[in-house]
């Protein structure tokens, strides 16, 4: 059974940084394209970042481009989301997601409906 567990959320001030982590178990992380999504109170869940299956192709939401960086650590079965220059608008519950993507070179997925596995989320709160 595939499980995703996020960690690293917290309460920070505007301008601070946080690093979120997502650990995958039950199947090799190298089978998946990995994504991060977030949901703010009263809003729909939205795409944040994605890493492709193997080549490390990444794509980011315009709202986080230049501030957030997503990386894989296959040896630790983990993906990380480094978030810099955090703003109050970044306040949300952040979810990690995985989509089986073997041999789908170069493809990335931006819709939450594209992903099969989800973590429980980790809360990020940014005060002004």
Foldseek 3Di string as FASTA:
>chain_A
DKAKAKDWADEEAQQAKIKMKIAIDDDQLLQWKKFKWWDDPPGDIFGAKIADNPPRDMDGDPVQPPFWDWDDDRVRRMIMIIGGRDDQVPWTWMKMFIARQPPVPPDIDTDPVRTDYIHPTDTHGYHD
